[in-house]
Each structure stands twice: as C-alpha cells, then as structure tokens.
Amino acid sequence: MQRIMKKPYAQPTRCPICSGKLIVTQVACEECGVTIQGHFTPNRFSQLDEEQLRFLEVFLRNRGMLAGVERELGISYPTARNKLDALLLALGLTPATAQDLNGHLAEQRRRILDLLEQGEITAEEAARKLRTLR
C-alpha cells in the first residue's frame, strides 16, 4: 500500500520540463488509501499560484473591500486593484469596466423613463427606482 504524506505539497500546475499544463490523473483517500486513476478536470482555483491564493483569501476576509486588502497586505490601492484584475484573468473571468457598469446603468435608466413616459409607473415610482440605481 502506498503511504500518504502527512504534510502534502501544493499541487504543481506546470511541467518542470516544458512548462506545459499538468493534469491530475490519480487521487487517493487520506483515510483508507484507496486510489482512483483517470483524467480529472481541476477546478479553476487549483490553478492559482500561492500569491494569488493569498490575495484571494485576504480579499474574501475583507468582504471584497480593497481598502481592507490594502491595509492587510500593506499595498497601495492601484496595486490591490491590479492584483485583483490579474486574479480575475487567472480565473478566466473578465473584469467589469466602468464603461460596462455605466452602460448597464444607462440602459436601466432608459427603461425606467420609458415606463414613466408610457404611463406604466408614476413619477414617484420612477424617482424611487432611479435613486436605487446609484
């Protein structure tokens, strides 16, 4: 029976020879030692390096507030924002831009004003809906 190490190493994600992407082909149970072989798709978080994982943990602990990330990591706001953008890209996500957010808000405003113009909502309702968009 193969012995499982007490303190596991971080899963390598790149080949040390050619830098190609590694795939997981075997997993083992810590309790009974049973191993399963195959080709397993890793989750996107397993592809992050240690620095990215640390940033993600700090970001989540601070409930997404970059000011808290700045304080905890001792970095500037632009650095924290750049690290967040790099993390999003590493996870295969595209950061929302201010233009995207503004375009979305503009579309919502147009819909509210259209409803008002068509008489489907009152001026008071339109004002309340517009205030909630900020």
N, C-alpha and C. Protein backbone atom coordinates (compact mmCIF):
# COMPACT_ATOMS: atom_id res chain seq x y z
N MET A 1 0.84 -1.17 0.00
CA MET A 1 0.00 0.00 0.00
C MET A 1 0.89 1.24 0.00
N GLN A 2 0.53 2.19 -0.84
CA GLN A 2 1.29 3.43 -0.93
C GLN A 2 0.99 4.30 0.28
N ARG A 3 2.03 4.86 0.86
CA ARG A 3 1.86 5.68 2.06
C ARG A 3 1.61 7.13 1.66
N ILE A 4 0.63 7.75 2.26
CA ILE A 4 0.28 9.15 2.00
C ILE A 4 1.12 10.02 2.94
N MET A 5 1.68 11.12 2.37
CA MET A 5 2.49 12.04 3.19
C MET A 5 1.59 12.77 4.17
N LYS A 6 2.12 13.07 5.34
CA LYS A 6 1.37 13.80 6.36
C LYS A 6 1.12 15.25 5.95
N LYS A 7 2.15 15.92 5.43
CA LYS A 7 2.01 17.31 5.01
C LYS A 7 2.15 17.36 3.49
N PRO A 8 1.03 17.50 2.78
CA PRO A 8 1.11 17.48 1.32
C PRO A 8 1.70 18.78 0.76
N TYR A 9 2.34 18.64 -0.37
CA TYR A 9 2.86 19.79 -1.09
C TYR A 9 1.74 20.39 -1.92
N ALA A 10 1.90 21.65 -2.30
CA ALA A 10 0.93 22.27 -3.19
C ALA A 10 0.96 21.53 -4.54
N GLN A 11 -0.20 21.38 -5.14
CA GLN A 11 -0.29 20.69 -6.41
C GLN A 11 0.44 21.49 -7.48
N PRO A 12 1.40 20.88 -8.17
CA PRO A 12 2.04 21.59 -9.27
C PRO A 12 1.06 21.75 -10.42
N THR A 13 1.14 22.86 -11.11
CA THR A 13 0.22 23.11 -12.22
C THR A 13 0.94 23.16 -13.56
N ARG A 14 2.27 23.27 -13.53
CA ARG A 14 3.06 23.34 -14.77
C ARG A 14 4.16 22.29 -14.75
N CYS A 15 4.44 21.73 -15.91
CA CYS A 15 5.50 20.74 -16.06
C CYS A 15 6.86 21.38 -15.82
N PRO A 16 7.72 20.78 -14.99
CA PRO A 16 9.03 21.37 -14.74
C PRO A 16 9.97 21.26 -15.95
N ILE A 17 9.63 20.43 -16.93
CA ILE A 17 10.47 20.26 -18.11
C ILE A 17 10.10 21.26 -19.21
N CYS A 18 8.81 21.29 -19.59
CA CYS A 18 8.41 22.11 -20.74
C CYS A 18 7.45 23.24 -20.39
N SER A 19 7.06 23.35 -19.13
CA SER A 19 6.11 24.36 -18.64
C SER A 19 4.69 24.13 -19.14
N GLY A 20 4.42 22.96 -19.70
CA GLY A 20 3.06 22.64 -20.13
C GLY A 20 2.13 22.48 -18.94
N LYS A 21 0.84 22.56 -19.20
CA LYS A 21 -0.17 22.43 -18.15
C LYS A 21 -0.26 20.97 -17.72
N LEU A 22 -0.21 20.73 -16.41
CA LEU A 22 -0.33 19.38 -15.87
C LEU A 22 -1.80 19.02 -15.64
N ILE A 23 -2.12 17.75 -15.78
CA ILE A 23 -3.46 17.27 -15.47
C ILE A 23 -3.38 16.28 -14.33
N VAL A 24 -4.44 16.18 -13.56
CA VAL A 24 -4.49 15.24 -12.45
C VAL A 24 -4.97 13.90 -13.01
N THR A 25 -4.20 12.85 -12.73
CA THR A 25 -4.57 11.52 -13.23
C THR A 25 -4.79 10.52 -12.11
N GLN A 26 -4.53 10.92 -10.87
CA GLN A 26 -4.73 9.99 -9.75
C GLN A 26 -5.09 10.77 -8.50
N VAL A 27 -6.05 10.27 -7.76
CA VAL A 27 -6.41 10.83 -6.47
C VAL A 27 -6.45 9.69 -5.46
N ALA A 28 -6.19 10.02 -4.18
CA ALA A 28 -6.15 8.99 -3.15
C ALA A 28 -6.91 9.45 -1.92
N CYS A 29 -7.52 8.50 -1.23
CA CYS A 29 -8.24 8.78 0.02
C CYS A 29 -7.25 8.84 1.17
N GLU A 30 -7.31 9.90 1.97
CA GLU A 30 -6.43 10.03 3.13
C GLU A 30 -6.74 9.00 4.20
N GLU A 31 -7.99 8.58 4.30
CA GLU A 31 -8.41 7.66 5.35
C GLU A 31 -7.99 6.22 5.06
N CYS A 32 -8.39 5.70 3.89
CA CYS A 32 -8.17 4.27 3.64
C CYS A 32 -7.11 3.97 2.59
N GLY A 33 -6.62 5.01 1.91
CA GLY A 33 -5.56 4.80 0.93
C GLY A 33 -6.02 4.36 -0.45
N VAL A 34 -7.32 4.22 -0.68
CA VAL A 34 -7.82 3.85 -1.99
C VAL A 34 -7.40 4.91 -3.00
N THR A 35 -6.93 4.47 -4.18
CA THR A 35 -6.57 5.42 -5.23
C THR A 35 -7.47 5.22 -6.43
N ILE A 36 -7.74 6.31 -7.11
CA ILE A 36 -8.58 6.30 -8.31
C ILE A 36 -7.77 6.96 -9.41
N GLN A 37 -7.70 6.29 -10.55
CA GLN A 37 -6.96 6.84 -11.68
C GLN A 37 -7.92 7.25 -12.79
N GLY A 38 -7.55 8.27 -13.53
CA GLY A 38 -8.34 8.78 -14.63
C GLY A 38 -7.82 10.14 -15.01
N HIS A 39 -8.58 10.86 -15.81
CA HIS A 39 -8.24 12.24 -16.16
C HIS A 39 -9.27 13.13 -15.50
N PHE A 40 -8.81 13.93 -14.52
CA PHE A 40 -9.71 14.76 -13.74
C PHE A 40 -9.52 16.22 -14.10
N THR A 41 -10.63 16.92 -14.24
CA THR A 41 -10.58 18.34 -14.54
C THR A 41 -10.41 19.10 -13.24
N PRO A 42 -9.34 19.87 -13.12
CA PRO A 42 -9.15 20.63 -11.87
C PRO A 42 -10.11 21.81 -11.82
N ASN A 43 -10.44 22.25 -10.62
CA ASN A 43 -11.25 23.46 -10.52
C ASN A 43 -10.36 24.66 -10.80
N ARG A 44 -10.96 25.74 -11.16
CA ARG A 44 -10.18 26.92 -11.57
C ARG A 44 -9.29 27.47 -10.46
N PHE A 45 -9.65 27.26 -9.20
CA PHE A 45 -8.86 27.79 -8.10
C PHE A 45 -7.57 27.01 -7.89
N SER A 46 -7.55 25.75 -8.30
CA SER A 46 -6.33 24.96 -8.13
C SER A 46 -5.22 25.41 -9.07
N GLN A 47 -5.56 26.23 -10.06
CA GLN A 47 -4.57 26.73 -11.00
C GLN A 47 -3.89 28.01 -10.53
N LEU A 48 -4.34 28.56 -9.41
CA LEU A 48 -3.76 29.81 -8.90
C LEU A 48 -2.45 29.52 -8.19
N ASP A 49 -1.51 30.47 -8.30
CA ASP A 49 -0.26 30.30 -7.56
C ASP A 49 -0.48 30.76 -6.11
N GLU A 50 0.53 30.56 -5.26
CA GLU A 50 0.36 30.86 -3.83
C GLU A 50 0.07 32.33 -3.57
N GLU A 51 0.69 33.22 -4.31
CA GLU A 51 0.45 34.65 -4.12
C GLU A 51 -0.99 35.02 -4.47
N GLN A 52 -1.51 34.43 -5.55
CA GLN A 52 -2.88 34.69 -5.95
C GLN A 52 -3.87 34.13 -4.93
N LEU A 53 -3.58 32.94 -4.41
CA LEU A 53 -4.45 32.35 -3.38
C LEU A 53 -4.45 33.20 -2.11
N ARG A 54 -3.28 33.68 -1.73
CA ARG A 54 -3.19 34.55 -0.54
C ARG A 54 -4.01 35.82 -0.75
N PHE A 55 -3.89 36.44 -1.93
CA PHE A 55 -4.65 37.65 -2.22
C PHE A 55 -6.15 37.34 -2.16
N LEU A 56 -6.57 36.23 -2.74
CA LEU A 56 -7.98 35.85 -2.73
C LEU A 56 -8.49 35.67 -1.30
N GLU A 57 -7.72 35.01 -0.45
CA GLU A 57 -8.11 34.83 0.94
C GLU A 57 -8.27 36.17 1.65
N VAL A 58 -7.32 37.07 1.45
CA VAL A 58 -7.38 38.39 2.08
C VAL A 58 -8.58 39.17 1.54
N PHE A 59 -8.80 39.10 0.23
CA PHE A 59 -9.92 39.79 -0.41
C PHE A 59 -11.24 39.29 0.16
N LEU A 60 -11.40 37.98 0.30
CA LEU A 60 -12.64 37.42 0.83
C LEU A 60 -12.81 37.76 2.31
N ARG A 61 -11.72 37.69 3.08
CA ARG A 61 -11.79 38.01 4.50
C ARG A 61 -12.23 39.46 4.70
N ASN A 62 -11.85 40.33 3.77
CA ASN A 62 -12.22 41.74 3.85
C ASN A 62 -13.51 42.04 3.09
N ARG A 63 -14.25 40.98 2.76
CA ARG A 63 -15.55 41.09 2.09
C ARG A 63 -15.51 41.91 0.83
N GLY A 64 -14.44 41.78 0.07
CA GLY A 64 -14.34 42.45 -1.21
C GLY A 64 -13.97 43.92 -1.14
N MET A 65 -13.62 44.39 0.04
CA MET A 65 -13.26 45.80 0.19
C MET A 65 -11.77 45.96 -0.02
N LEU A 66 -11.39 46.64 -1.10
CA LEU A 66 -9.97 46.80 -1.40
C LEU A 66 -9.23 47.62 -0.35
N ALA A 67 -9.95 48.49 0.35
CA ALA A 67 -9.29 49.27 1.41
C ALA A 67 -8.75 48.34 2.50
N GLY A 68 -9.52 47.31 2.84
CA GLY A 68 -9.06 46.33 3.82
C GLY A 68 -7.89 45.51 3.29
N VAL A 69 -7.93 45.18 2.01
CA VAL A 69 -6.83 44.44 1.38
C VAL A 69 -5.56 45.28 1.42
N GLU A 70 -5.70 46.57 1.12
CA GLU A 70 -4.55 47.49 1.17
C GLU A 70 -3.89 47.45 2.55
N ARG A 71 -4.72 47.61 3.59
CA ARG A 71 -4.19 47.64 4.96
C ARG A 71 -3.53 46.33 5.32
N GLU A 72 -4.22 45.22 5.05
CA GLU A 72 -3.71 43.92 5.48
C GLU A 72 -2.42 43.53 4.76
N LEU A 73 -2.35 43.83 3.46
CA LEU A 73 -1.17 43.45 2.69
C LEU A 73 -0.11 44.56 2.63
N GLY A 74 -0.46 45.76 3.09
CA GLY A 74 0.49 46.86 3.06
C GLY A 74 0.82 47.31 1.64
N ILE A 75 -0.21 47.36 0.78
CA ILE A 75 -0.02 47.75 -0.62
C ILE A 75 -0.94 48.92 -0.94
N SER A 76 -0.65 49.59 -2.05
CA SER A 76 -1.46 50.73 -2.47
C SER A 76 -2.74 50.25 -3.15
N TYR A 77 -3.71 51.17 -3.27
CA TYR A 77 -4.96 50.84 -3.95
C TYR A 77 -4.72 50.39 -5.38
N PRO A 78 -3.91 51.12 -6.19
CA PRO A 78 -3.67 50.66 -7.57
C PRO A 78 -3.04 49.26 -7.63
N THR A 79 -2.16 48.96 -6.69
CA THR A 79 -1.54 47.62 -6.66
C THR A 79 -2.59 46.57 -6.32
N ALA A 80 -3.44 46.86 -5.34
CA ALA A 80 -4.50 45.92 -4.97
C ALA A 80 -5.44 45.69 -6.15
N ARG A 81 -5.77 46.75 -6.83
CA ARG A 81 -6.68 46.64 -7.98
C ARG A 81 -6.03 45.84 -9.10
N ASN A 82 -4.75 46.08 -9.36
CA ASN A 82 -4.04 45.31 -10.40
C ASN A 82 -3.97 43.83 -10.03
N LYS A 83 -3.75 43.54 -8.75
CA LYS A 83 -3.72 42.13 -8.30
C LYS A 83 -5.09 41.49 -8.47
N LEU A 84 -6.14 42.24 -8.19
CA LEU A 84 -7.49 41.71 -8.36
C LEU A 84 -7.77 41.44 -9.84
N ASP A 85 -7.40 42.36 -10.71
CA ASP A 85 -7.59 42.15 -12.15
C ASP A 85 -6.81 40.94 -12.64
N ALA A 86 -5.57 40.78 -12.16
CA ALA A 86 -4.75 39.62 -12.56
C ALA A 86 -5.38 38.33 -12.04
N LEU A 87 -5.94 38.36 -10.84
CA LEU A 87 -6.61 37.19 -10.29
C LEU A 87 -7.82 36.82 -11.12
N LEU A 88 -8.62 37.80 -11.49
CA LEU A 88 -9.79 37.54 -12.33
C LEU A 88 -9.39 36.91 -13.65
N LEU A 89 -8.35 37.44 -14.27
CA LEU A 89 -7.89 36.89 -15.54
C LEU A 89 -7.36 35.47 -15.36
N ALA A 90 -6.66 35.20 -14.26
CA ALA A 90 -6.15 33.85 -13.99
C ALA A 90 -7.30 32.86 -13.82
N LEU A 91 -8.43 33.35 -13.33
CA LEU A 91 -9.61 32.50 -13.15
C LEU A 91 -10.47 32.42 -14.41
N GLY A 92 -10.02 33.11 -15.47
CA GLY A 92 -10.77 33.09 -16.72
C GLY A 92 -11.97 34.01 -16.71
N LEU A 93 -11.95 35.01 -15.83
CA LEU A 93 -13.04 35.96 -15.73
C LEU A 93 -12.59 37.31 -16.28
N THR A 94 -13.51 38.05 -16.85
CA THR A 94 -13.19 39.37 -17.37
C THR A 94 -13.66 40.42 -16.39
N PRO A 95 -12.76 41.29 -15.93
CA PRO A 95 -13.19 42.35 -15.00
C PRO A 95 -14.20 43.28 -15.67
N ALA A 96 -15.23 43.65 -14.93
CA ALA A 96 -16.19 44.61 -15.45
C ALA A 96 -15.54 45.98 -15.48
N THR A 97 -15.69 46.67 -16.55
CA THR A 97 -15.10 48.01 -16.65
C THR A 97 -16.13 49.04 -16.22
N ALA A 98 -15.66 50.22 -15.89
CA ALA A 98 -16.57 51.31 -15.53
C ALA A 98 -17.52 51.60 -16.68
N GLN A 99 -17.02 51.47 -17.90
CA GLN A 99 -17.86 51.72 -19.08
C GLN A 99 -19.00 50.69 -19.14
N ASP A 100 -18.70 49.41 -18.86
CA ASP A 100 -19.72 48.37 -18.84
C ASP A 100 -20.78 48.70 -17.79
N LEU A 101 -20.32 49.07 -16.58
CA LEU A 101 -21.25 49.38 -15.50
C LEU A 101 -22.09 50.60 -15.84
N ASN A 102 -21.45 51.63 -16.39
CA ASN A 102 -22.18 52.84 -16.76
C ASN A 102 -23.18 52.56 -17.87
N GLY A 103 -22.80 51.73 -18.83
CA GLY A 103 -23.71 51.37 -19.92
C GLY A 103 -24.92 50.61 -19.39
N HIS A 104 -24.70 49.73 -18.44
CA HIS A 104 -25.79 48.98 -17.83
C HIS A 104 -26.72 49.92 -17.07
N LEU A 105 -26.15 50.84 -16.32
CA LEU A 105 -26.97 51.79 -15.57
C LEU A 105 -27.76 52.69 -16.51
N ALA A 106 -27.13 53.12 -17.60
CA ALA A 106 -27.81 53.97 -18.56
C ALA A 106 -29.00 53.24 -19.18
N GLU A 107 -28.82 51.97 -19.47
CA GLU A 107 -29.92 51.17 -20.04
C GLU A 107 -31.07 51.04 -19.04
N GLN A 108 -30.73 50.82 -17.77
CA GLN A 108 -31.78 50.72 -16.75
C GLN A 108 -32.53 52.05 -16.59
N ARG A 109 -31.79 53.15 -16.63
CA ARG A 109 -32.42 54.48 -16.55
C ARG A 109 -33.39 54.69 -17.70
N ARG A 110 -32.94 54.30 -18.92
CA ARG A 110 -33.80 54.45 -20.09
C ARG A 110 -35.10 53.66 -19.94
N ARG A 111 -34.98 52.43 -19.42
CA ARG A 111 -36.18 51.60 -19.23
C ARG A 111 -37.16 52.25 -18.25
N ILE A 112 -36.61 52.78 -17.16
CA ILE A 112 -37.47 53.44 -16.16
C ILE A 112 -38.17 54.64 -16.76
N LEU A 113 -37.42 55.45 -17.51
CA LEU A 113 -38.03 56.63 -18.12
C LEU A 113 -39.04 56.25 -19.19
N ASP A 114 -38.79 55.17 -19.91
CA ASP A 114 -39.77 54.68 -20.89
C ASP A 114 -41.07 54.26 -20.21
N LEU A 115 -40.94 53.55 -19.06
CA LEU A 115 -42.13 53.14 -18.32
C LEU A 115 -42.91 54.35 -17.84
N LEU A 116 -42.20 55.39 -17.40
CA LEU A 116 -42.84 56.61 -16.95
C LEU A 116 -43.56 57.29 -18.12
N GLU A 117 -42.88 57.39 -19.24
CA GLU A 117 -43.45 58.03 -20.43
C GLU A 117 -44.70 57.29 -20.91
N GLN A 118 -44.70 55.97 -20.81
CA GLN A 118 -45.84 55.16 -21.26
C GLN A 118 -46.97 55.11 -20.22
N GLY A 119 -46.74 55.75 -19.06
CA GLY A 119 -47.76 55.80 -18.02
C GLY A 119 -47.87 54.52 -17.21
N GLU A 120 -46.88 53.63 -17.32
CA GLU A 120 -46.94 52.36 -16.60
C GLU A 120 -46.50 52.50 -15.15
N ILE A 121 -45.76 53.57 -14.83
CA ILE A 121 -45.39 53.87 -13.45
C ILE A 121 -45.59 55.35 -13.21
N THR A 122 -45.71 55.73 -11.93
CA THR A 122 -45.89 57.14 -11.58
C THR A 122 -44.52 57.83 -11.50
N ALA A 123 -44.57 59.15 -11.43
CA ALA A 123 -43.33 59.91 -11.30
C ALA A 123 -42.62 59.56 -10.00
N GLU A 124 -43.38 59.34 -8.93
CA GLU A 124 -42.79 58.96 -7.65
C GLU A 124 -42.10 57.61 -7.75
N GLU A 125 -42.76 56.65 -8.44
CA GLU A 125 -42.15 55.33 -8.61
C GLU A 125 -40.87 55.43 -9.44
N ALA A 126 -40.92 56.24 -10.48
CA ALA A 126 -39.74 56.42 -11.33
C ALA A 126 -38.60 57.03 -10.52
N ALA A 127 -38.90 58.04 -9.71
CA ALA A 127 -37.87 58.69 -8.90
C ALA A 127 -37.26 57.69 -7.92
N ARG A 128 -38.09 56.89 -7.30
CA ARG A 128 -37.59 55.86 -6.34
C ARG A 128 -36.70 54.87 -7.07
N LYS A 129 -37.12 54.39 -8.22
CA LYS A 129 -36.32 53.41 -8.98
C LYS A 129 -35.00 54.02 -9.41
N LEU A 130 -35.02 55.27 -9.83
CA LEU A 130 -33.78 55.93 -10.28
C LEU A 130 -32.82 56.12 -9.11
N ARG A 131 -33.36 56.42 -7.92
CA ARG A 131 -32.48 56.57 -6.74
C ARG A 131 -31.79 55.26 -6.38
N THR A 132 -32.46 54.13 -6.56
CA THR A 132 -31.88 52.85 -6.19
C THR A 132 -30.77 52.41 -7.14
N LEU A 133 -30.66 53.03 -8.30
CA LEU A 133 -29.61 52.65 -9.26
C LEU A 133 -28.25 53.16 -8.87
N ARG A 134 -28.16 54.15 -8.04
CA ARG A 134 -26.86 54.76 -7.70
C ARG A 134 -25.95 53.83 -7.01
